[in-house]
Amino acid sequence: MIHSEVYQFAQDIAWKNAGEGIQRQMFGHDDKVMLVKVKFEAGSIGTLHEHYHSQTTYVASGSFEITIGDERKIIR
């Protein structure tokens, strides 16, 4: 089941608050994968959560500490 339009354009997708100092653009998702662009202000911390679908992370600038299971990594 697809939960988004076939074509997604960043200029057409509003940024929404996703927590203190965190904003995101939800490009789309289905039952297997999702694509979200997220901006974190320095020092912001995302809420620990789980996804039932696959998720890939790419850091365009800066660095980010990520936790998967019991493992923490800094990605750049």
C-alpha atoms as a PDB file:
ATOM      1  CA  MET A   1       0.000   0.000   0.000  1.00  0.00           C
ATOM      2  CA  ILE A   2       1.515   3.353  -1.045  1.00  0.00           C
ATOM      3  CA  HIS A   3       0.953   6.287   1.322  1.00  0.00           C
ATOM      4  CA  SER A   4       2.336   9.061  -0.903  1.00  0.00           C
ATOM      5  CA  GLU A   5       2.141  10.500  -4.387  1.00  0.00           C
ATOM      6  CA  VAL A   6       4.302   9.010  -7.153  1.00  0.00           C
ATOM      7  CA  TYR A   7       6.300  12.239  -7.574  1.00  0.00           C
ATOM      8  CA  GLN A   8       7.625  14.285  -4.649  1.00  0.00           C
ATOM      9  CA  PHE A   9       9.118  17.796  -4.943  1.00  0.00           C
ATOM     10  CA  ALA A  10      10.809  19.416  -1.922  1.00  0.00           C
ATOM     11  CA  GLN A  11       9.406  22.880  -2.694  1.00  0.00           C
ATOM     12  CA  ASP A  12       5.874  21.442  -2.426  1.00  0.00           C
ATOM     13  CA  ILE A  13       6.369  19.715   0.942  1.00  0.00           C
ATOM     14  CA  ALA A  14       5.974  21.775   4.109  1.00  0.00           C
ATOM     15  CA  TRP A  15       8.444  21.491   6.982  1.00  0.00           C
ATOM     16  CA  LYS A  16       6.746  20.328  10.195  1.00  0.00           C
ATOM     17  CA  ASN A  17       7.903  20.356  13.809  1.00  0.00           C
ATOM     18  CA  ALA A  18       9.057  16.948  14.987  1.00  0.00           C
ATOM     19  CA  GLY A  19      10.230  17.908  18.462  1.00  0.00           C
ATOM     20  CA  GLU A  20      12.182  20.683  20.102  1.00  0.00           C
ATOM     21  CA  GLY A  21      14.734  21.965  17.569  1.00  0.00           C
ATOM     22  CA  ILE A  22      13.744  19.339  14.987  1.00  0.00           C
ATOM     23  CA  GLN A  23      11.902  19.824  11.701  1.00  0.00           C
ATOM     24  CA  ARG A  24      11.108  17.339   8.962  1.00  0.00           C
ATOM     25  CA  GLN A  25       9.734  17.030   5.463  1.00  0.00           C
ATOM     26  CA  MET A  26       7.845  13.768   4.926  1.00  0.00           C
ATOM     27  CA  PHE A  27       8.407  12.792   1.304  1.00  0.00           C
ATOM     28  CA  GLY A  28       6.515   9.541   1.526  1.00  0.00           C
ATOM     29  CA  HIS A  29       6.359   5.983   2.721  1.00  0.00           C
ATOM     30  CA  ASP A  30       4.802   2.634   2.097  1.00  0.00           C
ATOM     31  CA  ASP A  31       4.893  -0.603   4.075  1.00  0.00           C
ATOM     32  CA  LYS A  32       8.586  -1.220   3.182  1.00  0.00           C
ATOM     33  CA  VAL A  33      10.459   2.099   3.211  1.00  0.00           C
ATOM     34  CA  MET A  34      10.095   5.788   4.080  1.00  0.00           C
ATOM     35  CA  LEU A  35      11.904   8.961   3.015  1.00  0.00           C
ATOM     36  CA  VAL A  36      12.075  11.920   5.396  1.00  0.00           C
ATOM     37  CA  LYS A  37      14.389  14.947   5.345  1.00  0.00           C
ATOM     38  CA  VAL A  38      15.168  16.104   8.889  1.00  0.00           C
ATOM     39  CA  LYS A  39      16.895  19.245  10.234  1.00  0.00           C
ATOM     40  CA  PHE A  40      18.298  19.201  13.766  1.00  0.00           C
ATOM     41  CA  GLU A  41      19.394  22.371  15.536  1.00  0.00           C
ATOM     42  CA  ALA A  42      22.701  21.927  17.378  1.00  0.00           C
ATOM     43  CA  GLY A  43      22.100  20.007  20.617  1.00  0.00           C
ATOM     44  CA  SER A  44      18.646  18.713  19.642  1.00  0.00           C
ATOM     45  CA  ILE A  45      17.824  15.129  20.576  1.00  0.00           C
ATOM     46  CA  GLY A  46      15.313  12.976  18.728  1.00  0.00           C
ATOM     47  CA  THR A  47      12.987  10.655  20.610  1.00  0.00           C
ATOM     48  CA  LEU A  48      14.075   7.012  20.648  1.00  0.00           C
ATOM     49  CA  HIS A  49      11.613   5.114  18.438  1.00  0.00           C
ATOM     50  CA  GLU A  50      11.232   2.128  16.090  1.00  0.00           C
ATOM     51  CA  HIS A  51      10.160   1.709  12.472  1.00  0.00           C
ATOM     52  CA  TYR A  52       8.415  -1.319  10.983  1.00  0.00           C
ATOM     53  CA  HIS A  53       9.829  -0.443   7.555  1.00  0.00           C
ATOM     54  CA  SER A  54      13.407   0.054   6.342  1.00  0.00           C
ATOM     55  CA  GLN A  55      15.081   3.373   7.011  1.00  0.00           C
ATOM     56  CA  THR A  56      18.299   4.776   5.575  1.00  0.00           C
ATOM     57  CA  THR A  57      20.172   7.738   7.054  1.00  0.00           C
ATOM     58  CA  TYR A  58      22.333  10.202   5.129  1.00  0.00           C
ATOM     59  CA  VAL A  59      23.943  13.205   6.818  1.00  0.00           C
ATOM     60  CA  ALA A  60      24.224  16.082   4.313  1.00  0.00           C
ATOM     61  CA  SER A  61      26.142  18.348   6.706  1.00  0.00           C
ATOM     62  CA  GLY A  62      27.385  18.308  10.270  1.00  0.00           C
ATOM     63  CA  SER A  63      27.424  15.162  12.390  1.00  0.00           C
ATOM     64  CA  PHE A  64      24.786  13.086  14.114  1.00  0.00           C
ATOM     65  CA  GLU A  65      24.848  10.527  16.906  1.00  0.00           C
ATOM     66  CA  ILE A  66      22.620   7.559  16.095  1.00  0.00           C
ATOM     67  CA  THR A  67      21.651   4.561  18.217  1.00  0.00           C
ATOM     68  CA  ILE A  68      20.599   1.242  16.688  1.00  0.00           C
ATOM     69  CA  GLY A  69      19.895  -1.443  19.261  1.00  0.00           C
ATOM     70  CA  ASP A  70      22.601  -1.064  21.906  1.00  0.00           C
ATOM     71  CA  GLU A  71      25.151   0.474  19.504  1.00  0.00           C
ATOM     72  CA  ARG A  72      25.871   4.208  19.214  1.00  0.00           C
ATOM     73  CA  LYS A  73      27.750   5.780  16.297  1.00  0.00           C
ATOM     74  CA  ILE A  74      28.633   9.281  15.133  1.00  0.00           C
ATOM     75  CA  ILE A  75      27.843   9.659  11.441  1.00  0.00           C
ATOM     76  CA  ARG A  76      28.972  12.507   9.215  1.00  0.00           C
END
